[in-house]
Amino acid sequence: MTAAAPPPPTDLDPRLLEVLVCPVTRAPLFYDRARGELISNAAKLAYPIRDGVPIMLPEEARSLED
């Protein structure tokens, strides 16, 4: 059995990126297009983007400390 391929990169509206901030720290986010995530360096969290929608819930975020 083979692993599922990662989803193709999603384009994110640059205007949306300008207004989104980390819900934990209120710091700016970095868009990682290749992984389809919004990165908060301050909180060390990566928020997923699913079907073009950023999921800004801390419990859905991936820890960058792993």
C-alpha atoms as a PDB file:
ATOM      1  CA  MET A   1       0.000   0.000   0.000  1.00  0.00           C
ATOM      2  CA  THR A   2       1.390   3.430  -0.966  1.00  0.00           C
ATOM      3  CA  ALA A   3       1.096   6.651   0.994  1.00  0.00           C
ATOM      4  CA  ALA A   4      -1.323   9.268  -0.277  1.00  0.00           C
ATOM      5  CA  ALA A   5       0.281  12.036  -2.300  1.00  0.00           C
ATOM      6  CA  PRO A   6       0.225  15.473  -0.700  1.00  0.00           C
ATOM      7  CA  PRO A   7      -2.370  17.866  -2.099  1.00  0.00           C
ATOM      8  CA  PRO A   8      -1.184  20.240  -4.816  1.00  0.00           C
ATOM      9  CA  PRO A   9      -0.084  23.701  -3.623  1.00  0.00           C
ATOM     10  CA  THR A  10      -2.936  26.111  -3.108  1.00  0.00           C
ATOM     11  CA  ASP A  11      -2.743  29.765  -4.065  1.00  0.00           C
ATOM     12  CA  LEU A  12      -3.793  32.120  -1.311  1.00  0.00           C
ATOM     13  CA  ASP A  13      -5.139  35.599  -1.937  1.00  0.00           C
ATOM     14  CA  PRO A  14      -2.333  38.018  -0.938  1.00  0.00           C
ATOM     15  CA  ARG A  15      -4.927  40.402   0.546  1.00  0.00           C
ATOM     16  CA  LEU A  16      -6.076  37.633   2.878  1.00  0.00           C
ATOM     17  CA  LEU A  17      -2.514  37.006   3.995  1.00  0.00           C
ATOM     18  CA  GLU A  18      -2.169  40.704   4.846  1.00  0.00           C
ATOM     19  CA  VAL A  19      -5.030  40.573   7.365  1.00  0.00           C
ATOM     20  CA  LEU A  20      -4.575  37.110   8.876  1.00  0.00           C
ATOM     21  CA  VAL A  21      -2.545  36.848  12.062  1.00  0.00           C
ATOM     22  CA  CYS A  22      -1.751  33.987  14.412  1.00  0.00           C
ATOM     23  CA  PRO A  23      -4.733  33.533  16.756  1.00  0.00           C
ATOM     24  CA  VAL A  24      -2.369  32.633  19.619  1.00  0.00           C
ATOM     25  CA  THR A  25       0.225  35.431  19.383  1.00  0.00           C
ATOM     26  CA  ARG A  26      -1.359  37.927  16.940  1.00  0.00           C
ATOM     27  CA  ALA A  27       1.946  37.839  15.040  1.00  0.00           C
ATOM     28  CA  PRO A  28       2.134  37.878  11.213  1.00  0.00           C
ATOM     29  CA  LEU A  29       1.993  34.585   9.325  1.00  0.00           C
ATOM     30  CA  PHE A  30       4.291  33.257   6.601  1.00  0.00           C
ATOM     31  CA  TYR A  31       2.674  31.382   3.695  1.00  0.00           C
ATOM     32  CA  ASP A  32       4.378  28.065   2.916  1.00  0.00           C
ATOM     33  CA  ARG A  33       2.879  27.345  -0.511  1.00  0.00           C
ATOM     34  CA  ALA A  34       4.651  24.008  -0.956  1.00  0.00           C
ATOM     35  CA  ARG A  35       3.135  22.575   2.237  1.00  0.00           C
ATOM     36  CA  GLY A  36      -0.168  24.451   2.032  1.00  0.00           C
ATOM     37  CA  GLU A  37       0.241  25.966   5.489  1.00  0.00           C
ATOM     38  CA  LEU A  38       0.391  29.312   7.228  1.00  0.00           C
ATOM     39  CA  ILE A  39       3.390  29.421   9.559  1.00  0.00           C
ATOM     40  CA  SER A  40       3.529  31.275  12.863  1.00  0.00           C
ATOM     41  CA  ASN A  41       7.175  31.483  13.872  1.00  0.00           C
ATOM     42  CA  ALA A  42       6.187  33.208  17.121  1.00  0.00           C
ATOM     43  CA  ALA A  43       3.887  30.349  18.235  1.00  0.00           C
ATOM     44  CA  LYS A  44       5.877  27.631  16.415  1.00  0.00           C
ATOM     45  CA  LEU A  45       2.666  26.426  14.754  1.00  0.00           C
ATOM     46  CA  ALA A  46       1.661  25.634  11.163  1.00  0.00           C
ATOM     47  CA  TYR A  47      -1.998  26.203  10.327  1.00  0.00           C
ATOM     48  CA  PRO A  48      -3.355  24.038   7.485  1.00  0.00           C
ATOM     49  CA  ILE A  49      -5.131  25.339   4.408  1.00  0.00           C
ATOM     50  CA  ARG A  50      -7.911  23.004   3.300  1.00  0.00           C
ATOM     51  CA  ASP A  51      -9.737  23.555   0.009  1.00  0.00           C
ATOM     52  CA  GLY A  52      -8.326  27.087  -0.085  1.00  0.00           C
ATOM     53  CA  VAL A  53      -9.571  27.941   3.420  1.00  0.00           C
ATOM     54  CA  PRO A  54      -7.072  28.643   6.220  1.00  0.00           C
ATOM     55  CA  ILE A  55      -7.969  26.656   9.340  1.00  0.00           C
ATOM     56  CA  MET A  56      -7.002  29.094  12.081  1.00  0.00           C
ATOM     57  CA  LEU A  57      -7.729  26.864  15.079  1.00  0.00           C
ATOM     58  CA  PRO A  58      -4.767  26.187  17.380  1.00  0.00           C
ATOM     59  CA  GLU A  59      -5.984  22.621  17.972  1.00  0.00           C
ATOM     60  CA  GLU A  60      -5.815  21.963  14.207  1.00  0.00           C
ATOM     61  CA  ALA A  61      -2.300  23.415  13.859  1.00  0.00           C
ATOM     62  CA  ARG A  62       0.825  21.310  13.517  1.00  0.00           C
ATOM     63  CA  SER A  63       3.599  21.991  16.008  1.00  0.00           C
ATOM     64  CA  LEU A  64       6.863  23.089  14.434  1.00  0.00           C
ATOM     65  CA  GLU A  65       8.796  21.772  17.409  1.00  0.00           C
ATOM     66  CA  ASP A  66       8.346  18.129  16.337  1.00  0.00           C
END
